[in-house]
Amino acid sequence: VPEPGTLALFALGLAGLGLARRRKAA
């Protein structure tokens, strides 16, 4: 089981990537 900090960091990075991709597309 991954640490909460690592999981949060991964989720944040994934969200940021999706947001950047969406912003670039729009």
C-alpha atoms as a PDB file:
ATOM      1  CA  VAL A   1       0.000   0.000   0.000  1.00  0.00           C
ATOM      2  CA  PRO A   2       1.542   3.320  -1.123  1.00  0.00           C
ATOM      3  CA  GLU A   3       1.933   6.177   1.319  1.00  0.00           C
ATOM      4  CA  PRO A   4      -0.820   8.835   1.520  1.00  0.00           C
ATOM      5  CA  GLY A   5       1.673  11.534   0.517  1.00  0.00           C
ATOM      6  CA  THR A   6       2.800   9.618  -2.552  1.00  0.00           C
ATOM      7  CA  LEU A   7      -0.789   8.850  -3.503  1.00  0.00           C
ATOM      8  CA  ALA A   8      -1.779  12.507  -3.103  1.00  0.00           C
ATOM      9  CA  LEU A   9       1.219  13.633  -5.159  1.00  0.00           C
ATOM     10  CA  PHE A  10       0.358  11.144  -7.894  1.00  0.00           C
ATOM     11  CA  ALA A  11      -3.292  12.265  -7.925  1.00  0.00           C
ATOM     12  CA  LEU A  12      -2.246  15.920  -8.013  1.00  0.00           C
ATOM     13  CA  GLY A  13       0.121  15.317 -10.919  1.00  0.00           C
ATOM     14  CA  LEU A  14      -2.508  13.368 -12.820  1.00  0.00           C
ATOM     15  CA  ALA A  15      -5.100  16.110 -12.260  1.00  0.00           C
ATOM     16  CA  GLY A  16      -2.617  18.784 -13.322  1.00  0.00           C
ATOM     17  CA  LEU A  17      -1.738  16.872 -16.462  1.00  0.00           C
ATOM     18  CA  GLY A  18      -5.403  16.485 -17.404  1.00  0.00           C
ATOM     19  CA  LEU A  19      -6.078  20.149 -16.674  1.00  0.00           C
ATOM     20  CA  ALA A  20      -3.111  21.285 -18.782  1.00  0.00           C
ATOM     21  CA  ARG A  21      -4.148  18.999 -21.630  1.00  0.00           C
ATOM     22  CA  ARG A  22      -7.729  20.256 -21.469  1.00  0.00           C
ATOM     23  CA  ARG A  23      -6.572  23.888 -21.394  1.00  0.00           C
ATOM     24  CA  LYS A  24      -4.265  23.267 -24.358  1.00  0.00           C
ATOM     25  CA  ALA A  25      -7.052  21.620 -26.352  1.00  0.00           C
ATOM     26  CA  ALA A  26      -9.443  24.491 -25.619  1.00  0.00           C
END
